[in-house]
C-alpha atoms as a PDB file:
ATOM      1  CA  MET A   1     119.115 -43.976 120.712  1.00  0.00           C
ATOM      2  CA  PRO A   2     117.777 -45.331 123.679  1.00  0.00           C
ATOM      3  CA  GLU A   3     115.891 -42.974 126.042  1.00  0.00           C
ATOM      4  CA  ALA A   4     117.764 -41.075 128.504  1.00  0.00           C
ATOM      5  CA  VAL A   5     115.859 -40.614 131.711  1.00  0.00           C
ATOM      6  CA  ILE A   6     117.006 -37.360 134.149  1.00  0.00           C
ATOM      7  CA  TYR A   7     116.687 -38.452 137.806  1.00  0.00           C
ATOM      8  CA  PRO A   8     116.637 -35.020 140.422  1.00  0.00           C
ATOM      9  CA  TRP A   9     119.336 -35.879 142.882  1.00  0.00           C
ATOM     10  CA  PRO A  10     118.753 -34.301 146.039  1.00  0.00           C
ATOM     11  CA  ASP A  11     121.598 -31.856 146.171  1.00  0.00           C
ATOM     12  CA  PRO A  12     124.193 -31.273 143.656  1.00  0.00           C
ATOM     13  CA  ASP A  13     127.165 -33.156 145.613  1.00  0.00           C
ATOM     14  CA  TYR A  14     125.213 -36.444 145.844  1.00  0.00           C
ATOM     15  CA  PHE A  15     125.160 -35.808 141.829  1.00  0.00           C
ATOM     16  CA  ASN A  16     128.551 -35.773 141.537  1.00  0.00           C
ATOM     17  CA  SER A  17     129.571 -38.642 143.884  1.00  0.00           C
ATOM     18  CA  GLN A  18     127.099 -40.634 141.783  1.00  0.00           C
ATOM     19  CA  PHE A  19     128.266 -39.478 138.594  1.00  0.00           C
ATOM     20  CA  LEU A  20     132.112 -39.913 139.021  1.00  0.00           C
ATOM     21  CA  ALA A  21     131.214 -43.905 140.572  1.00  0.00           C
ATOM     22  CA  MET A  22     129.261 -44.242 137.595  1.00  0.00           C
ATOM     23  CA  ASP A  23     130.916 -47.359 135.851  1.00  0.00           C
ATOM     24  CA  VAL A  24     131.580 -46.952 132.140  1.00  0.00           C
ATOM     25  CA  HIS A  25     132.548 -49.123 130.205  1.00  0.00           C
ATOM     26  CA  GLU A  26     134.786 -49.683 126.956  1.00  0.00           C
ATOM     27  CA  ASP A  27     132.211 -50.526 124.318  1.00  0.00           C
ATOM     28  CA  LEU A  28     130.092 -47.025 125.833  1.00  0.00           C
ATOM     29  CA  GLU A  29     132.829 -45.461 125.227  1.00  0.00           C
ATOM     30  CA  ASP A  30     134.182 -46.795 121.998  1.00  0.00           C
ATOM     31  CA  ILE A  31     129.994 -46.491 120.474  1.00  0.00           C
ATOM     32  CA  ALA A  32     130.240 -43.082 121.338  1.00  0.00           C
ATOM     33  CA  GLU A  33     134.014 -42.100 119.769  1.00  0.00           C
ATOM     34  CA  GLU A  34     131.756 -44.057 116.386  1.00  0.00           C
ATOM     35  CA  ASN A  35     129.163 -41.772 116.505  1.00  0.00           C
ATOM     36  CA  LEU A  36     131.124 -38.533 117.347  1.00  0.00           C
ATOM     37  CA  SER A  37     133.652 -39.616 114.611  1.00  0.00           C
ATOM     38  CA  GLU A  38     134.280 -37.398 111.586  1.00  0.00           C
ATOM     39  CA  LYS A  39     132.592 -39.634 109.297  1.00  0.00           C
ATOM     40  CA  ALA A  40     129.748 -39.805 111.155  1.00  0.00           C
ATOM     41  CA  MET A  41     129.618 -36.185 111.355  1.00  0.00           C
ATOM     42  CA  THR A  42     130.172 -35.513 107.714  1.00  0.00           C
ATOM     43  CA  GLN A  43     127.530 -37.697 106.849  1.00  0.00           C
ATOM     44  CA  LEU A  44     124.903 -36.234 109.039  1.00  0.00           C
ATOM     45  CA  ARG A  45     125.832 -32.548 107.739  1.00  0.00           C
ATOM     46  CA  GLN A  46     125.297 -34.157 104.198  1.00  0.00           C
ATOM     47  CA  ASN A  47     122.165 -35.664 104.950  1.00  0.00           C
ATOM     48  CA  LEU A  48     119.935 -33.501 107.604  1.00  0.00           C
ATOM     49  CA  PRO A  49     118.230 -31.259 105.696  1.00  0.00           C
ATOM     50  CA  SER A  50     117.906 -27.754 107.136  1.00  0.00           C
ATOM     51  CA  ASP A  51     116.132 -26.523 109.910  1.00  0.00           C
ATOM     52  CA  GLY A  52     113.891 -23.422 110.054  1.00  0.00           C
ATOM     53  CA  PRO A  53     116.174 -20.974 111.802  1.00  0.00           C
ATOM     54  CA  GLU A  54     118.796 -22.136 109.481  1.00  0.00           C
ATOM     55  CA  ASN A  55     117.078 -21.838 106.469  1.00  0.00           C
ATOM     56  CA  THR A  56     115.872 -18.235 107.433  1.00  0.00           C
ATOM     57  CA  SER A  57     119.391 -17.237 108.285  1.00  0.00           C
ATOM     58  CA  TYR A  58     120.908 -18.251 104.660  1.00  0.00           C
ATOM     59  CA  TYR A  59     117.879 -16.291 103.177  1.00  0.00           C
ATOM     60  CA  LEU A  60     118.395 -13.035 105.278  1.00  0.00           C
ATOM     61  CA  ARG A  61     122.274 -13.138 104.886  1.00  0.00           C
ATOM     62  CA  GLN A  62     121.510 -13.552 100.785  1.00  0.00           C
ATOM     63  CA  GLN A  63     119.208 -10.451 100.947  1.00  0.00           C
ATOM     64  CA  ALA A  64     121.280  -8.353 102.782  1.00  0.00           C
ATOM     65  CA  LYS A  65     124.313  -9.530 100.450  1.00  0.00           C
ATOM     66  CA  ASN A  66     121.940  -8.021  97.586  1.00  0.00           C
ATOM     67  CA  TYR A  67     121.401  -5.068  98.855  1.00  0.00           C
ATOM     68  CA  TYR A  68     124.798  -4.183  99.468  1.00  0.00           C
ATOM     69  CA  TYR A  69     124.559  -3.526  95.750  1.00  0.00           C
ATOM     70  CA  VAL A  70     121.356  -2.095  95.401  1.00  0.00           C
ATOM     71  CA  GLY A  71     121.665   0.483  92.066  1.00  0.00           C
ATOM     72  CA  GLN A  72     125.551  -0.312  91.697  1.00  0.00           C
ATOM     73  CA  ILE A  73     127.147  -2.555  89.279  1.00  0.00           C
ATOM     74  CA  ARG A  74     128.802  -5.354  91.269  1.00  0.00           C
ATOM     75  CA  THR A  75     132.488  -5.309  91.338  1.00  0.00           C
ATOM     76  CA  PRO A  76     134.719  -7.417  89.656  1.00  0.00           C
ATOM     77  CA  GLN A  77     135.792 -10.599  91.861  1.00  0.00           C
ATOM     78  CA  ILE A  78     139.747 -10.578  89.706  1.00  0.00           C
ATOM     79  CA  LEU A  79     141.129  -9.481  93.277  1.00  0.00           C
ATOM     80  CA  ASN A  80     139.410 -11.912  95.186  1.00  0.00           C
ATOM     81  CA  ALA A  81     141.448 -14.130  96.931  1.00  0.00           C
ATOM     82  CA  PHE A  82     138.748 -16.581  97.679  1.00  0.00           C
ATOM     83  CA  ALA A  83     137.411 -16.903  94.224  1.00  0.00           C
ATOM     84  CA  TRP A  84     141.453 -17.328  92.830  1.00  0.00           C
ATOM     85  CA  LYS A  85     141.541 -20.233  95.369  1.00  0.00           C
ATOM     86  CA  GLU A  86     138.452 -21.963  94.135  1.00  0.00           C
ATOM     87  CA  PHE A  87     139.121 -21.388  90.377  1.00  0.00           C
ATOM     88  CA  ILE A  88     142.606 -23.122  91.094  1.00  0.00           C
ATOM     89  CA  GLN A  89     141.233 -26.144  92.883  1.00  0.00           C
ATOM     90  CA  ALA A  90     138.312 -26.653  90.377  1.00  0.00           C
ATOM     91  CA  TRP A  91     140.955 -26.459  87.738  1.00  0.00           C
ATOM     92  CA  LYS A  92     143.123 -28.854  89.448  1.00  0.00           C
ATOM     93  CA  ARG A  93     140.389 -31.255  89.772  1.00  0.00           C
ATOM     94  CA  GLY A  94     139.495 -31.433  86.146  1.00  0.00           C
ATOM     95  CA  ASP A  95     136.235 -29.215  86.320  1.00  0.00           C
ATOM     96  CA  PHE A  96     137.456 -27.411  82.894  1.00  0.00           C
ATOM     97  CA  LYS A  97     138.497 -30.608  80.754  1.00  0.00           C
ATOM     98  CA  LYS A  98     136.168 -31.174  77.875  1.00  0.00           C
ATOM     99  CA  LYS A  99     134.030 -33.844  78.527  1.00  0.00           C
ATOM    100  CA  LYS A 100     134.440 -37.451  75.731  1.00  0.00           C
ATOM    101  CA  LYS A 101     131.268 -38.871  74.741  1.00  0.00           C
END
């Protein structure tokens, strides 16, 4: 991505007039749409590693979830609608079929 240089404009009105007068070519718009497409965003989400705050948040959420059941038996997931949905999707995908050797 090329470097972006921000110039300090004398006042906001001058900046607004210059911003609105900026010539935006259709090829730049096409590049922006390509960079923000769902395919590009999915690829970035899958390939970019997690950063520190994201890892910390995940760890703390897992710890809080574990502390909720300290000294207790976890409740069975038989009535959990989300677990049923995941089970049915796995069944439709064929995750439970025997693999042929």
